[in-house]
Structures are given as structure tokens and as C-alpha cells.
Protein backbone atom coordinates (compact mmCIF):
# COMPACT_ATOMS: atom_id res chain seq x y z
CA MET A 1 105.12 120.38 126.73
CA SER A 2 103.19 122.36 129.32
CA VAL A 3 104.14 126.04 129.61
CA PRO A 4 102.76 128.23 132.42
CA ALA A 5 100.45 131.01 131.29
CA GLY A 6 102.37 134.16 130.47
CA SER A 7 105.72 132.38 130.19
CA ARG A 8 108.00 133.07 127.25
CA ILE A 9 109.04 129.98 125.29
CA PRO A 10 112.61 129.82 123.92
CA ALA A 11 112.89 128.38 120.41
CA ASP A 12 115.72 127.61 118.02
CA LEU A 13 113.46 128.00 114.98
CA LEU A 14 110.08 129.60 114.40
CA ILE A 15 108.26 128.76 111.17
CA HIS A 16 105.53 131.35 110.62
CA ASN A 17 103.21 133.07 108.15
CA ALA A 18 101.84 129.64 107.27
CA LEU A 19 98.66 127.67 106.86
CA VAL A 20 99.44 125.07 109.54
CA LEU A 21 97.83 121.64 109.15
CA THR A 22 98.45 119.91 112.47
CA LEU A 23 96.70 116.54 111.91
CA ASN A 24 96.34 116.35 115.69
CA ASP A 25 93.35 114.60 117.25
CA ARG A 26 91.28 117.77 116.84
CA ASP A 27 92.44 118.23 113.25
CA GLU A 28 93.32 121.83 114.08
CA ILE A 29 94.25 124.14 111.24
CA PHE A 30 95.72 127.58 111.90
CA ARG A 31 95.19 130.19 109.15
CA PRO A 32 97.72 131.77 109.49
CA GLY A 33 99.75 129.85 112.02
CA ALA A 34 103.23 129.20 113.33
CA VAL A 35 105.32 126.32 114.68
CA ALA A 36 108.13 126.76 117.21
CA ILE A 37 110.98 124.25 117.49
CA GLN A 38 113.49 123.84 120.29
CA GLY A 39 116.21 121.25 119.68
CA ASP A 40 114.62 118.24 117.99
CA ARG A 41 111.06 118.87 119.20
CA ILE A 42 108.05 121.06 118.58
CA VAL A 43 107.40 123.29 121.60
CA TRP A 44 104.46 125.36 120.37
CA VAL A 45 101.88 125.41 117.58
CA GLY A 46 99.28 128.12 117.27
CA PRO A 47 97.92 131.21 115.55
CA ASP A 48 100.46 133.46 113.88
CA ALA A 49 99.26 136.48 115.84
CA SER A 50 100.00 134.75 119.16
CA TRP A 51 103.70 134.00 118.83
CA PRO A 52 105.16 137.51 119.34
CA SER A 53 103.90 137.52 122.93
CA ARG A 54 104.88 133.91 123.63
CA ILE A 55 107.91 132.82 121.60
CA GLU A 56 111.51 134.02 121.70
CA PRO A 57 112.97 132.51 118.50
CA ARG A 58 116.65 132.42 117.66
CA GLU A 59 115.83 132.08 113.95
CA ARG A 60 112.69 132.73 111.93
CA LEU A 61 111.59 131.07 108.71
CA ASP A 62 108.85 132.95 106.87
CA VAL A 63 107.10 130.53 104.49
CA LYS A 64 105.17 133.42 102.86
CA GLY A 65 101.68 132.04 103.25
CA GLY A 66 102.65 128.48 102.33
CA LEU A 67 101.34 125.29 103.87
CA VAL A 68 103.16 123.68 106.81
CA MET A 69 102.30 120.08 107.68
CA PRO A 70 103.84 116.92 109.12
CA GLY A 71 106.46 115.30 106.91
CA LEU A 72 105.26 112.43 104.75
CA ILE A 73 106.21 108.93 105.90
CA ASN A 74 107.07 106.24 103.34
CA ALA A 75 106.03 103.01 105.05
CA HIS A 76 107.78 100.65 102.62
CA THR A 77 110.59 101.03 100.14
CA HIS A 78 113.94 99.64 98.98
CA ALA A 79 115.92 102.87 98.85
CA ALA A 80 119.04 101.69 97.03
CA MET A 81 116.93 100.34 94.18
CA THR A 82 117.17 103.83 92.74
CA CYS A 83 120.15 102.18 90.99
CA PHE A 84 117.65 99.94 89.14
CA ARG A 85 115.14 102.63 88.18
CA GLY A 86 113.70 101.56 84.80
CA LEU A 87 115.95 98.50 84.55
CA ALA A 88 113.21 95.88 84.10
CA ASP A 89 109.75 97.28 83.46
CA ASP A 90 106.45 95.79 82.28
CA LEU A 91 107.05 92.29 83.66
CA PRO A 92 105.20 89.95 86.07
CA LEU A 93 106.46 90.01 89.67
CA ILE A 94 108.09 86.57 89.71
CA VAL A 95 109.78 87.12 86.32
CA TRP A 96 110.80 90.62 87.37
CA LEU A 97 112.35 89.30 90.58
CA THR A 98 113.96 86.02 89.51
CA GLU A 99 115.12 86.88 85.99
CA HIS A 100 116.10 90.52 86.41
CA ILE A 101 116.27 91.96 89.92
CA PHE A 102 117.91 89.06 91.77
CA PRO A 103 120.60 88.69 89.04
CA ALA A 104 121.23 92.45 89.03
CA GLU A 105 121.54 92.42 92.81
CA LYS A 106 124.45 90.01 92.55
CA LYS A 107 126.43 92.94 91.10
CA ILE A 108 125.72 95.40 93.86
CA THR A 109 128.18 96.30 96.60
CA ALA A 110 128.11 98.16 99.88
CA GLU A 111 129.31 101.23 98.00
CA SER A 112 126.54 101.09 95.40
CA VAL A 113 123.92 100.66 98.13
CA HIS A 114 125.32 103.68 99.95
CA TRP A 115 125.17 105.94 96.89
CA GLY A 116 121.81 104.56 95.78
CA THR A 117 120.37 105.29 99.21
CA LEU A 118 121.79 108.82 99.21
CA LEU A 119 120.04 109.36 95.87
CA ALA A 120 116.80 108.06 97.37
CA CYS A 121 117.21 110.37 100.36
CA ALA A 122 117.72 113.36 98.09
CA GLU A 123 114.59 112.45 96.13
CA MET A 124 112.56 111.97 99.29
CA ILE A 125 113.75 115.17 100.99
CA LEU A 126 112.92 117.16 97.85
CA GLY A 127 109.49 115.49 97.80
CA GLY A 128 108.56 116.12 101.42
CA THR A 129 109.23 112.66 102.85
CA THR A 130 110.92 112.85 106.25
CA THR A 131 110.80 109.18 107.34
CA PHE A 132 111.12 105.93 105.39
CA CYS A 133 111.06 102.22 106.13
CA ASP A 134 113.63 100.23 104.20
CA MET A 135 114.21 96.57 103.37
CA TYR A 136 117.29 95.79 101.32
CA LEU A 137 120.86 94.49 101.23
CA PHE A 138 123.90 96.05 102.93
CA GLU A 139 121.51 97.82 105.30
CA ALA A 140 124.39 99.09 107.42
CA GLU A 141 125.12 101.36 104.45
CA VAL A 142 121.45 102.34 104.19
CA ALA A 143 121.50 103.36 107.85
CA LYS A 144 124.70 105.36 107.39
CA ALA A 145 123.38 107.09 104.27
CA ALA A 146 120.05 107.99 105.88
CA HIS A 147 121.86 109.36 108.91
CA GLU A 148 124.21 111.37 106.68
CA ALA A 149 121.23 112.83 104.82
CA GLY A 150 119.52 113.66 108.12
CA MET A 151 116.51 111.42 107.47
CA ARG A 152 114.55 109.33 109.93
CA ALA A 153 114.50 105.65 108.94
CA LEU A 154 113.49 102.19 110.09
CA VAL A 155 115.87 99.79 108.33
CA GLY A 156 116.43 96.05 108.12
CA GLU A 157 118.51 93.57 106.16
CA VAL A 158 116.46 91.42 103.81
CA LEU A 159 116.71 87.73 104.76
CA TYR A 160 115.91 84.68 102.67
CA ASP A 161 116.82 81.00 102.35
CA PHE A 162 119.40 81.46 99.62
CA PRO A 163 122.81 83.17 100.01
CA SER A 164 122.93 86.95 100.03
CA PRO A 165 125.54 89.00 98.14
CA ASN A 166 126.10 90.78 101.44
CA TYR A 167 126.27 88.26 104.27
CA GLY A 168 126.28 84.86 102.56
CA PRO A 169 124.20 82.08 104.21
CA PRO A 170 121.02 82.88 106.17
CA GLU A 171 122.51 82.26 109.62
CA GLN A 172 125.04 85.03 108.95
CA GLY A 173 122.18 87.30 107.95
CA LEU A 174 120.66 86.80 111.38
CA ALA A 175 123.98 87.69 113.00
CA TYR A 176 124.25 90.75 110.73
CA THR A 177 120.80 91.91 111.87
CA ARG A 178 121.62 91.46 115.54
CA GLU A 179 124.75 93.57 115.10
CA LEU A 180 122.78 96.21 113.17
CA ILE A 181 120.30 96.47 116.04
CA ARG A 182 123.09 96.89 118.59
CA THR A 183 124.95 99.44 116.47
CA TRP A 184 121.99 101.82 116.11
CA GLU A 185 120.35 101.29 119.48
CA GLY A 186 119.26 104.62 120.96
CA ASN A 187 120.01 106.63 117.82
CA GLN A 188 117.84 109.73 117.29
CA LEU A 189 117.09 108.98 113.63
CA ILE A 190 117.78 105.32 112.84
CA SER A 191 116.01 102.25 114.20
CA VAL A 192 116.23 98.63 113.05
CA ALA A 193 113.75 95.83 112.29
CA ILE A 194 114.12 92.13 111.47
CA GLU A 195 113.05 91.63 107.85
CA PRO A 196 112.49 88.21 106.25
CA HIS A 197 111.67 88.76 102.58
CA GLY A 198 108.51 86.68 102.27
CA VAL A 199 106.89 83.39 103.18
CA TYR A 200 107.74 81.95 99.75
CA THR A 201 111.45 82.81 100.09
CA CYS A 202 111.86 82.02 103.81
CA SER A 203 111.48 78.61 105.43
CA PRO A 204 109.48 78.21 108.65
CA GLU A 205 112.81 77.68 110.42
CA LEU A 206 114.17 81.01 109.21
CA LEU A 207 110.92 82.76 110.10
CA ARG A 208 111.08 81.33 113.61
CA ALA A 209 114.64 82.57 114.00
CA CYS A 210 113.50 86.02 112.85
CA GLY A 211 110.63 85.95 115.31
CA GLU A 212 112.99 85.17 118.17
CA ILE A 213 115.11 88.23 117.30
CA ALA A 214 112.01 90.45 117.10
CA VAL A 215 110.92 89.37 120.58
CA ARG A 216 114.40 89.44 122.12
CA PHE A 217 115.22 92.96 120.95
CA ASN A 218 111.62 94.25 120.91
CA VAL A 219 111.82 95.34 117.28
CA PRO A 220 109.26 95.02 114.47
CA MET A 221 109.27 92.10 112.07
CA ILE A 222 108.61 93.19 108.48
CA ILE A 223 107.68 90.90 105.58
CA HIS A 224 106.23 91.03 102.06
CA LEU A 225 102.86 89.30 102.39
CA SER A 226 100.27 88.14 99.85
CA GLU A 227 101.61 90.43 97.17
CA SER A 228 100.44 88.40 94.16
CA ASP A 229 98.35 85.45 93.01
CA ASP A 230 101.57 83.58 92.17
CA GLU A 231 102.82 83.98 95.74
CA VAL A 232 99.53 82.75 97.19
CA ARG A 233 99.49 79.76 94.84
CA GLN A 234 103.08 78.79 95.72
CA VAL A 235 102.45 79.03 99.45
CA LYS A 236 99.22 77.03 99.23
CA GLU A 237 100.99 74.30 97.27
CA ARG A 238 103.89 74.19 99.74
CA TYR A 239 102.13 74.69 103.07
CA GLY A 240 98.41 74.18 102.44
CA SER A 241 97.50 77.70 103.58
CA THR A 242 97.36 81.24 102.33
CA PRO A 243 100.43 83.30 103.26
CA VAL A 244 98.42 84.94 106.06
CA GLY A 245 97.16 81.56 107.24
CA HIS A 246 100.68 80.17 107.15
CA LEU A 247 101.97 82.95 109.42
CA GLU A 248 99.00 82.37 111.72
CA LYS A 249 99.95 78.70 112.10
CA LEU A 250 103.52 79.74 112.88
CA GLY A 251 102.32 82.25 115.47
CA PHE A 252 103.67 85.32 113.70
CA LEU A 253 100.47 87.30 113.25
CA THR A 254 101.09 89.72 116.11
CA PRO A 255 101.27 93.49 116.67
CA HIS A 256 105.04 93.14 116.10
CA LEU A 257 104.39 92.31 112.43
CA ILE A 258 104.39 94.86 109.60
CA ALA A 259 102.99 93.26 106.44
CA ASP A 260 103.87 94.89 103.13
CA HIS A 261 101.34 94.81 100.27
CA CYS A 262 98.53 92.42 101.41
CA VAL A 263 96.93 92.47 97.96
CA VAL A 264 95.47 88.97 97.63
CA LEU A 265 93.46 88.33 100.79
CA THR A 266 90.55 86.08 101.66
CA GLU A 267 87.86 87.23 104.08
CA GLU A 268 89.50 85.03 106.71
CA ASP A 269 92.87 86.64 105.99
CA LYS A 270 91.38 90.10 106.57
CA ARG A 271 89.77 88.98 109.81
CA LEU A 272 93.04 87.52 111.07
CA LEU A 273 95.03 90.64 110.24
CA ALA A 274 92.51 92.73 112.16
CA GLU A 275 92.20 90.45 115.18
CA ARG A 276 95.96 89.98 115.51
CA ARG A 277 96.56 93.75 115.09
CA VAL A 278 99.01 93.28 112.23
CA ARG A 279 100.06 96.58 110.64
CA VAL A 280 99.88 96.93 106.83
CA ALA A 281 101.93 99.03 104.38
CA HIS A 282 99.93 99.71 101.20
CA ASN A 283 101.89 100.25 97.95
CA PRO A 284 99.31 100.94 95.23
CA GLU A 285 101.52 102.14 92.37
CA SER A 286 103.89 99.18 92.62
CA ASN A 287 100.96 96.77 92.84
CA MET A 288 99.42 98.37 89.76
CA LYS A 289 102.64 98.40 87.74
CA LEU A 290 103.33 94.72 88.44
CA ALA A 291 99.64 93.94 87.80
CA ASN A 292 99.31 92.22 91.17
CA GLY A 293 95.90 93.66 91.91
CA VAL A 294 94.39 96.11 94.36
CA ALA A 295 94.80 95.61 98.10
CA PRO A 296 91.42 95.71 99.90
CA VAL A 297 92.43 98.69 101.99
CA PRO A 298 88.90 100.07 102.55
CA ASP A 299 87.94 96.68 104.02
CA LEU A 300 91.03 96.61 106.24
CA LEU A 301 90.39 100.14 107.50
CA ALA A 302 86.76 99.26 108.23
CA LEU A 303 87.99 96.31 110.31
CA GLY A 304 90.30 98.59 112.28
CA VAL A 305 93.60 97.52 110.71
CA THR A 306 96.37 100.11 110.94
CA VAL A 307 97.37 100.98 107.37
CA GLY A 308 100.13 103.23 106.07
CA LEU A 309 101.27 104.24 102.61
CA GLY A 310 104.50 103.36 100.81
CA THR A 311 106.05 103.65 97.38
CA ASP A 312 107.97 100.35 97.23
CA GLY A 313 111.32 100.57 95.41
CA CYS A 314 112.25 102.50 92.28
CA ALA A 315 112.52 99.29 90.26
CA SER A 316 108.78 98.72 90.57
CA ASN A 317 107.26 102.19 90.84
CA ASN A 318 109.59 104.05 89.54
CA ASN A 319 109.81 106.91 91.99
CA LEU A 320 109.63 107.75 95.69
CA ASP A 321 106.97 110.43 95.29
CA MET A 322 104.47 110.21 98.14
CA PHE A 323 102.27 112.95 96.66
CA ALA A 324 101.82 110.85 93.53
CA GLU A 325 101.13 107.83 95.75
CA MET A 326 98.40 109.73 97.61
CA ASP A 327 96.73 110.75 94.35
CA THR A 328 96.88 107.15 93.11
CA VAL A 329 95.51 105.52 96.26
CA ALA A 330 92.51 107.84 96.36
CA LYS A 331 91.54 107.30 92.72
CA LEU A 332 92.40 103.62 92.52
CA HIS A 333 89.98 102.58 95.24
CA LYS A 334 87.23 104.80 93.89
CA VAL A 335 87.33 103.16 90.49
CA ARG A 336 87.77 99.71 92.05
CA ARG A 337 84.59 100.19 94.11
CA LEU A 338 82.81 102.44 91.59
CA ASP A 339 82.24 104.71 94.55
CA PRO A 340 83.62 108.29 94.54
CA THR A 341 83.28 108.56 98.33
CA VAL A 342 85.79 105.77 99.07
CA MET A 343 89.25 106.82 100.33
CA ASP A 344 88.41 110.49 100.70
CA ALA A 345 91.26 112.99 100.65
CA ARG A 346 91.41 113.47 104.44
CA THR A 347 91.72 109.71 104.98
CA VAL A 348 94.50 109.51 102.40
CA VAL A 349 96.53 112.35 103.94
CA HIS A 350 96.22 110.60 107.29
CA LEU A 351 97.48 107.34 105.71
CA ALA A 352 100.63 109.08 104.47
CA THR A 353 101.36 110.69 107.83
CA LYS A 354 99.66 109.43 110.99
CA GLY A 355 98.84 106.03 109.50
CA SER A 356 102.39 105.34 108.35
CA ALA A 357 103.71 106.56 111.71
CA ARG A 358 101.51 104.01 113.48
CA VAL A 359 102.58 101.26 111.09
CA LEU A 360 106.24 101.93 111.90
CA GLY A 361 105.60 102.25 115.64
CA LEU A 362 106.55 105.94 115.60
CA GLU A 363 103.14 107.42 116.38
CA THR A 364 104.29 109.05 119.63
CA GLN A 365 107.13 110.79 117.78
CA VAL A 366 106.01 111.87 114.32
CA GLY A 367 102.96 112.18 112.07
CA THR A 368 101.38 115.25 113.69
CA LEU A 369 102.38 118.80 114.59
CA GLU A 370 101.91 119.26 118.32
CA PRO A 371 104.09 120.13 121.30
CA GLY A 372 106.35 117.30 122.41
CA ARG A 373 106.50 115.60 119.00
CA LYS A 374 109.68 115.38 116.96
CA ALA A 375 110.08 118.37 114.66
CA ASP A 376 109.58 116.61 111.31
CA LEU A 377 107.66 118.91 109.00
CA ILE A 378 107.51 120.32 105.50
CA SER A 379 106.24 123.44 103.78
CA LEU A 380 104.63 123.82 100.36
CA ASP A 381 104.35 126.87 98.13
CA LEU A 382 100.63 127.50 97.63
CA ASN A 383 101.08 130.58 95.44
CA GLN A 384 100.93 128.68 92.16
CA PRO A 385 98.36 128.41 89.36
CA HIS A 386 97.68 124.70 89.91
CA LEU A 387 97.00 125.34 93.61
CA THR A 388 94.67 128.32 93.11
CA PRO A 389 92.02 128.67 94.46
CA MET A 390 91.98 126.41 97.51
CA TYR A 391 88.70 125.39 99.13
CA ASN A 392 89.88 122.24 100.89
CA VAL A 393 93.48 121.69 101.98
CA TYR A 394 93.17 117.89 102.07
CA SER A 395 91.84 117.78 98.52
CA HIS A 396 94.66 120.00 97.33
CA LEU A 397 97.30 117.76 98.91
CA VAL A 398 95.90 114.62 97.32
CA TYR A 399 94.60 115.80 93.94
CA ALA A 400 96.58 118.94 93.03
CA ALA A 401 99.89 119.24 94.90
CA SER A 402 103.12 117.60 93.77
CA ALA A 403 106.53 116.82 95.20
CA ALA A 404 107.92 119.84 93.35
CA ASP A 405 105.75 122.13 95.47
CA VAL A 406 107.73 121.35 98.63
CA THR A 407 109.91 124.31 99.58
CA HIS A 408 111.40 123.40 102.98
CA THR A 409 111.99 120.12 104.81
CA VAL A 410 112.78 119.92 108.53
CA ILE A 411 113.73 116.63 110.19
CA ASN A 412 114.42 116.23 113.91
CA GLY A 413 114.51 120.01 114.21
CA ARG A 414 117.14 120.42 111.49
CA VAL A 415 116.45 122.24 108.24
CA VAL A 416 117.64 119.71 105.65
CA MET A 417 116.15 121.56 102.68
CA ARG A 418 115.64 125.31 102.37
CA ASP A 419 114.05 126.90 99.30
CA ARG A 420 114.42 123.64 97.32
CA GLN A 421 118.13 123.35 98.14
CA VAL A 422 119.13 120.13 99.94
CA LEU A 423 121.58 121.19 102.64
CA THR A 424 122.81 117.80 103.85
CA LEU A 425 123.95 116.28 100.55
CA ASP A 426 125.88 117.19 97.41
CA VAL A 427 123.05 116.11 95.12
CA ASP A 428 125.01 116.60 91.87
CA ARG A 429 127.79 114.33 93.10
CA VAL A 430 125.29 111.72 94.28
CA MET A 431 123.63 111.62 90.85
CA ALA A 432 127.01 111.34 89.12
CA GLU A 433 128.02 108.40 91.32
CA VAL A 434 124.79 106.53 90.62
CA ARG A 435 125.18 107.08 86.88
CA MET A 436 128.60 105.37 87.14
CA ILE A 437 127.07 102.48 89.10
CA ALA A 438 124.39 102.05 86.41
CA LYS A 439 127.12 101.49 83.79
CA LYS A 440 128.40 98.54 85.81
CA ILE A 441 124.92 97.06 86.25
CA ARG A 442 124.14 97.32 82.54
CA PRO A 443 127.34 98.10 80.57
């Protein structure tokens, strides 16, 4: 937004008395600084001393010297799996999926997905996440719940060769997705992707049908890819290629594709992902917990692959805490490489904000604090023993801060949490409903 010199800028909300971390291309930091919001967008960011002569705010929010930064962006999760938190731990991926998660999912309903997603939204809002990308069942309910909570979300119904407890046979899943896209077209907060589960659960025919929808509606295609050695072995036995190579043969390695996990990759796989401009969502804690390995993210970044950060679902993590995920990703790759300089704190903060925004195709809307961008931002209380002193803000965010330090969350210009109180949801009721659902899943 360009404002003539000397002009006064109207604003619905001014957030001030803050250390403002913009993450813009100049990596500007204002100490102290302020952010002005009009409607759903940021209209001004600058030094705190400058706003009295420039901004006419309707409401002011004094964050008392706290940190203000872009909201965190969870590039991959299964929100309603909050209902399965701790249900089946310490198991291999295939056993976890086929013997526990898939059977449990036969018991879920649209109602349980709705309440489970509301619980996830409450957890994410409290933890400073403003946008999430979801793959699950009954995604119409996920979209409704996210919208009710005031969160930004990219959602998609999981598709596979076998019948779904939601839509039945795969062809009906495709129809469900098309209707989901039409329903939410043009919405301020919710967008839709086509989401086949994986190459080992989706036939080439189903993948082709998904690809046609992605092209027709110009939406992303999202898939779990090369998550484990077992997956790679199965795909090689069935198709004679790695999962990445299989998608290359089918013509699906394109900038439309978002690949979740990408843990087990050959050098050729990495090259293909980079050359085809596939976007990758990295989920280190889930990969660690399921003992699937460590995704070669430093290699992918060096090759120019766009990488974002996600938590995966609560059945395999078991939380939606992006601060914990940042801490993990930084340390995991250091010990993997025996190199303390790998995945430095600044890079990791960028992964959880700008990187995830690029993965989801939202980089022109969110991920930075600058005029014209959507007003998705959070504040943290820095006046705490574990955050004192502070020499480097990036290091503090990755190695010292926690989800509990978030004080305010603003999404699309709306304050959805103020002073640790979620304003869009009755959190106590949501927790009570999910406890009742858990009794039905495991009586």
C-alpha cells in the first residue's frame, strides 16, 4: 500500500510497543515498532515513534515490549486426529496405520471430525499458528471448523483406493472434492486442494484423476511421499521405481505438487524434486517418533527446493506445537550432520513462516509483516526468565520460546486470542466434546 508523504493512515487496529520481526526481504526489525491493520490487511509497519504522526487507529493493542511476528504456518497436519492423541504410540508406520489408525477411523463421524478440528484450532491459536494445511476425512467439517475458529486453512479430503468412511468408493471421493472446491471458492480464509493419500495407497488411475482435478481447478495436489523405507520398498516392488520416480513417470512432479515428508530419497529423487519445483512439507517430530528417518532437508534447500515445516497429526507427534517443531528441526539436522552450523535459527524461523507460506502457495498473502499482506500475526511475552536476556531474536524463537509464550493471535485482521484467551471458541466445551468422542473410540 503506497501512502503519500504526510498523509494520515486510518487503521482499525494498531499493535505497538513491540519488537517487530517483519521477515520481509530486508529482514527489518523495529525495536520498538508498531503494526497498523485496516480490515484484513496490514497497512503500515514501522518504528513505534513514527505512528503518532502517521496512524489514526480506532483501537490500540499495547503488547508491553513483547515480540510481534508473522503467524506460524503448519504446512502439514491432520487436525481432527487430536481425537487419537496417544491412541497408538511407539509403533512402526505401517503397523500404526493399518492395525490401529485405519480401524479407529472407521468409527469417526462428521461430528467427531468437527469437534476434533475445533480442538486442533484451539491448540494452534494458543500456540501462535495462524494457518494450517490439512489432509483428512470429512474435510467439509474441517473447513467449517477452521472458519468458525477464524483460522486460515488449506484443506483437502484424503483419497485412496479403498472405501472411505466418509464418501465410500474412490470415484465419490473425487466428486466430494470437486464440490468442496466449489463450496469454498473465493473464501477469505479457506482454500481447497486435491489430496491423494500416497503412491502406495492410490493407483495410477486414481492419481491421474486427481491430477486432472488439480489442473482443471488450478489447485494444489498434496500427497504423502517417500515417508518410510517400507513405502519405498512397496512402491519399488509394485512399480519398479522409487515413489518420486513413479510420480515422475506419471507426470505429476510439477509445481502444483506439495509432497509431505520426503524422508527416504535417492540423489536422483532430490534432483527431480528440485528440477520439477515440487514443494516439500518437512515433519521432523513425526518422522522421528515413527522411526522413519531424517529427511535430507539441508540438501533440498541447497538445491533450491521450497521447504516448509509441519507437525503432522496428533496421533504421530503428539501435538501441534510449531515452536517445539522449530527447536527439533534445528537440532535434529545438526546431530545428523555432526555440524552445529546446519539449519541455523534464522533459516528455521523462515521455514515455519515464509517457507510454509510458499509451500502452500500463500506467499503473496502471509508469512511476512509488510503493507498489503494479510494481517496474520502473533505476539509473545518476552518478559520471562527463560527469555532473558535476549541477544538474538531468531535464536530465542527456536531454542528458548514456547507455545505458552504467545499472548495474542490475529488472523485476517481479527483478534482471535487476546491475553491467552481464545475469543472465537468455547475451549472448555470443545475439550469436553472430544473427551466424549474418545470414549467411543476406545470404550
